[in-house]
Amino acid sequence: MSTVFEIEQAIASLSEEDRIALENRLIVKRFGIDALSDEEHAELMESLDEAEREVEEGQTFTGDELREALRSWVGK
């Protein structure tokens, strides 16, 4: 059994609150967004959730549209 599989199983057993906390930590580690305020962070997460839903619904976007959306999400 792979370590990644074991980690995925452990994540699946987390409460929603703990899973969200873990996701937030991983995002901070990956993208260095720890400078965001709690409100900015919450807005970013909501935007990412919305983007994920749109992708799952089959919506597509150009690179320029994605860059513009990202700028709006991070307030730049």
N, C-alpha and C. Protein backbone atom coordinates (compact mmCIF):
# COMPACT_ATOMS: atom_id res chain seq x y z
N MET A 1 0.85 -1.17 0.00
CA MET A 1 0.00 0.00 0.00
C MET A 1 0.90 1.24 0.00
N SER A 2 0.57 2.21 -0.84
CA SER A 2 1.40 3.40 -0.95
C SER A 2 1.11 4.40 0.16
N THR A 3 2.09 5.21 0.44
CA THR A 3 1.92 6.26 1.45
C THR A 3 0.83 7.24 1.03
N VAL A 4 0.78 7.58 -0.25
CA VAL A 4 -0.25 8.50 -0.73
C VAL A 4 -1.64 7.93 -0.48
N PHE A 5 -1.81 6.66 -0.75
CA PHE A 5 -3.09 6.01 -0.51
C PHE A 5 -3.45 6.06 0.97
N GLU A 6 -2.49 5.79 1.83
CA GLU A 6 -2.73 5.84 3.28
C GLU A 6 -3.11 7.24 3.73
N ILE A 7 -2.45 8.24 3.16
CA ILE A 7 -2.77 9.62 3.49
C ILE A 7 -4.19 9.95 3.03
N GLU A 8 -4.54 9.52 1.82
CA GLU A 8 -5.89 9.77 1.32
C GLU A 8 -6.94 9.12 2.21
N GLN A 9 -6.66 7.92 2.68
CA GLN A 9 -7.59 7.24 3.59
C GLN A 9 -7.73 8.02 4.90
N ALA A 10 -6.62 8.50 5.42
CA ALA A 10 -6.65 9.26 6.67
C ALA A 10 -7.43 10.55 6.48
N ILE A 11 -7.24 11.22 5.36
CA ILE A 11 -7.96 12.46 5.09
C ILE A 11 -9.46 12.19 5.01
N ALA A 12 -9.83 11.08 4.39
CA ALA A 12 -11.25 10.75 4.26
C ALA A 12 -11.93 10.56 5.61
N SER A 13 -11.15 10.21 6.62
CA SER A 13 -11.74 9.98 7.94
C SER A 13 -11.82 11.25 8.79
N LEU A 14 -11.27 12.36 8.29
CA LEU A 14 -11.29 13.61 9.05
C LEU A 14 -12.69 14.22 9.07
N SER A 15 -12.95 14.98 10.11
CA SER A 15 -14.19 15.77 10.12
C SER A 15 -14.05 16.85 9.06
N GLU A 16 -15.16 17.43 8.66
CA GLU A 16 -15.11 18.49 7.64
C GLU A 16 -14.24 19.66 8.13
N GLU A 17 -14.37 20.01 9.38
CA GLU A 17 -13.58 21.11 9.95
C GLU A 17 -12.08 20.81 9.87
N ASP A 18 -11.70 19.60 10.25
CA ASP A 18 -10.28 19.23 10.19
C ASP A 18 -9.78 19.13 8.75
N ARG A 19 -10.64 18.64 7.84
CA ARG A 19 -10.25 18.55 6.44
C ARG A 19 -10.00 19.93 5.85
N ILE A 20 -10.88 20.88 6.17
CA ILE A 20 -10.71 22.25 5.69
C ILE A 20 -9.44 22.85 6.25
N ALA A 21 -9.18 22.62 7.53
CA ALA A 21 -7.95 23.13 8.15
C ALA A 21 -6.72 22.56 7.45
N LEU A 22 -6.75 21.27 7.14
CA LEU A 22 -5.63 20.64 6.44
C LEU A 22 -5.47 21.23 5.04
N GLU A 23 -6.57 21.38 4.32
CA GLU A 23 -6.51 21.97 2.98
C GLU A 23 -5.89 23.37 3.04
N ASN A 24 -6.31 24.15 4.01
CA ASN A 24 -5.77 25.50 4.16
C ASN A 24 -4.27 25.48 4.40
N ARG A 25 -3.82 24.58 5.26
CA ARG A 25 -2.38 24.47 5.53
C ARG A 25 -1.60 24.09 4.29
N LEU A 26 -2.15 23.13 3.53
CA LEU A 26 -1.46 22.69 2.31
C LEU A 26 -1.40 23.79 1.27
N ILE A 27 -2.47 24.56 1.15
CA ILE A 27 -2.47 25.67 0.20
C ILE A 27 -1.43 26.71 0.59
N VAL A 28 -1.37 27.02 1.88
CA VAL A 28 -0.37 27.98 2.35
C VAL A 28 1.04 27.49 2.04
N LYS A 29 1.29 26.22 2.30
CA LYS A 29 2.61 25.65 2.01
C LYS A 29 2.92 25.71 0.53
N ARG A 30 1.94 25.41 -0.29
CA ARG A 30 2.16 25.33 -1.74
C ARG A 30 2.27 26.70 -2.39
N PHE A 31 1.42 27.64 -1.99
CA PHE A 31 1.32 28.90 -2.70
C PHE A 31 1.76 30.11 -1.88
N GLY A 32 2.11 29.93 -0.62
CA GLY A 32 2.60 31.04 0.18
C GLY A 32 1.61 32.17 0.37
N ILE A 33 0.36 31.83 0.57
CA ILE A 33 -0.66 32.86 0.71
C ILE A 33 -0.94 33.19 2.18
N ASP A 34 0.02 32.90 3.03
CA ASP A 34 -0.19 33.12 4.45
C ASP A 34 -0.29 34.60 4.80
N ALA A 35 0.02 35.47 3.85
CA ALA A 35 -0.09 36.90 4.11
C ALA A 35 -1.53 37.40 4.00
N LEU A 36 -2.43 36.55 3.51
CA LEU A 36 -3.83 36.95 3.37
C LEU A 36 -4.50 37.04 4.74
N SER A 37 -5.41 37.99 4.86
CA SER A 37 -6.22 38.07 6.08
C SER A 37 -7.20 36.90 6.08
N ASP A 38 -7.82 36.66 7.22
CA ASP A 38 -8.81 35.58 7.31
C ASP A 38 -9.94 35.78 6.29
N GLU A 39 -10.37 37.04 6.15
CA GLU A 39 -11.45 37.34 5.21
C GLU A 39 -11.00 37.10 3.76
N GLU A 40 -9.80 37.56 3.43
CA GLU A 40 -9.27 37.34 2.08
C GLU A 40 -9.11 35.86 1.79
N HIS A 41 -8.63 35.15 2.79
CA HIS A 41 -8.43 33.70 2.63
C HIS A 41 -9.77 33.01 2.39
N ALA A 42 -10.78 33.39 3.16
CA ALA A 42 -12.11 32.80 2.99
C ALA A 42 -12.67 33.10 1.61
N GLU A 43 -12.48 34.33 1.15
CA GLU A 43 -12.94 34.71 -0.19
C GLU A 43 -12.22 33.91 -1.26
N LEU A 44 -10.92 33.74 -1.10
CA LEU A 44 -10.15 32.95 -2.06
C LEU A 44 -10.65 31.51 -2.10
N MET A 45 -10.87 30.91 -0.94
CA MET A 45 -11.34 29.54 -0.88
C MET A 45 -12.71 29.40 -1.54
N GLU A 46 -13.60 30.36 -1.30
CA GLU A 46 -14.92 30.33 -1.93
C GLU A 46 -14.78 30.43 -3.45
N SER A 47 -13.88 31.29 -3.91
CA SER A 47 -13.66 31.43 -5.35
C SER A 47 -13.11 30.15 -5.95
N LEU A 48 -12.18 29.52 -5.25
CA LEU A 48 -11.63 28.26 -5.75
C LEU A 48 -12.68 27.17 -5.79
N ASP A 49 -13.54 27.12 -4.76
CA ASP A 49 -14.64 26.15 -4.76
C ASP A 49 -15.57 26.39 -5.94
N GLU A 50 -15.87 27.67 -6.20
CA GLU A 50 -16.74 28.02 -7.33
C GLU A 50 -16.07 27.61 -8.65
N ALA A 51 -14.79 27.87 -8.78
CA ALA A 51 -14.08 27.49 -10.00
C ALA A 51 -14.10 25.98 -10.19
N GLU A 52 -13.91 25.25 -9.10
CA GLU A 52 -13.94 23.78 -9.18
C GLU A 52 -15.31 23.29 -9.65
N ARG A 53 -16.37 23.89 -9.12
CA ARG A 53 -17.73 23.51 -9.53
C ARG A 53 -17.92 23.78 -11.03
N GLU A 54 -17.43 24.94 -11.49
CA GLU A 54 -17.59 25.30 -12.89
C GLU A 54 -16.85 24.31 -13.80
N VAL A 55 -15.65 23.93 -13.39
CA VAL A 55 -14.89 22.95 -14.17
C VAL A 55 -15.63 21.62 -14.21
N GLU A 56 -16.15 21.19 -13.05
CA GLU A 56 -16.89 19.94 -12.98
C GLU A 56 -18.15 19.97 -13.85
N GLU A 57 -18.72 21.18 -14.03
CA GLU A 57 -19.91 21.33 -14.88
C GLU A 57 -19.55 21.43 -16.36
N GLY A 58 -18.25 21.40 -16.66
CA GLY A 58 -17.81 21.41 -18.05
C GLY A 58 -17.53 22.79 -18.61
N GLN A 59 -17.59 23.82 -17.80
CA GLN A 59 -17.28 25.16 -18.29
C GLN A 59 -15.78 25.27 -18.54
N THR A 60 -15.43 26.00 -19.58
CA THR A 60 -14.02 26.21 -19.89
C THR A 60 -13.74 27.70 -19.96
N PHE A 61 -12.47 28.05 -19.76
CA PHE A 61 -12.06 29.44 -19.74
C PHE A 61 -10.74 29.59 -20.47
N THR A 62 -10.52 30.75 -21.05
CA THR A 62 -9.24 31.03 -21.68
C THR A 62 -8.21 31.37 -20.61
N GLY A 63 -6.95 31.34 -20.98
CA GLY A 63 -5.89 31.72 -20.04
C GLY A 63 -6.08 33.15 -19.54
N ASP A 64 -6.46 34.06 -20.44
CA ASP A 64 -6.67 35.46 -20.04
C ASP A 64 -7.82 35.57 -19.03
N GLU A 65 -8.89 34.80 -19.25
CA GLU A 65 -10.01 34.83 -18.31
C GLU A 65 -9.58 34.31 -16.94
N LEU A 66 -8.77 33.26 -16.94
CA LEU A 66 -8.29 32.71 -15.67
C LEU A 66 -7.37 33.70 -14.95
N ARG A 67 -6.48 34.35 -15.69
CA ARG A 67 -5.60 35.34 -15.05
C ARG A 67 -6.40 36.49 -14.45
N GLU A 68 -7.41 36.97 -15.19
CA GLU A 68 -8.24 38.06 -14.69
C GLU A 68 -9.01 37.63 -13.44
N ALA A 69 -9.53 36.42 -13.46
CA ALA A 69 -10.25 35.90 -12.29
C ALA A 69 -9.32 35.81 -11.10
N LEU A 70 -8.12 35.30 -11.33
CA LEU A 70 -7.15 35.16 -10.23
C LEU A 70 -6.82 36.52 -9.63
N ARG A 71 -6.63 37.51 -10.50
CA ARG A 71 -6.34 38.87 -9.98
C ARG A 71 -7.49 39.37 -9.12
N SER A 72 -8.72 39.09 -9.52
CA SER A 72 -9.86 39.55 -8.72
C SER A 72 -9.94 38.80 -7.40
N TRP A 73 -9.54 37.51 -7.40
CA TRP A 73 -9.60 36.70 -6.17
C TRP A 73 -8.60 37.18 -5.15
N VAL A 74 -7.43 37.60 -5.60
CA VAL A 74 -6.39 38.00 -4.66
C VAL A 74 -6.34 39.51 -4.47
N GLY A 75 -7.27 40.22 -5.11
CA GLY A 75 -7.39 41.66 -4.91
C GLY A 75 -6.30 42.46 -5.57
N LYS A 76 -5.77 41.99 -6.69
CA LYS A 76 -4.72 42.73 -7.39
C LYS A 76 -5.13 42.99 -8.82
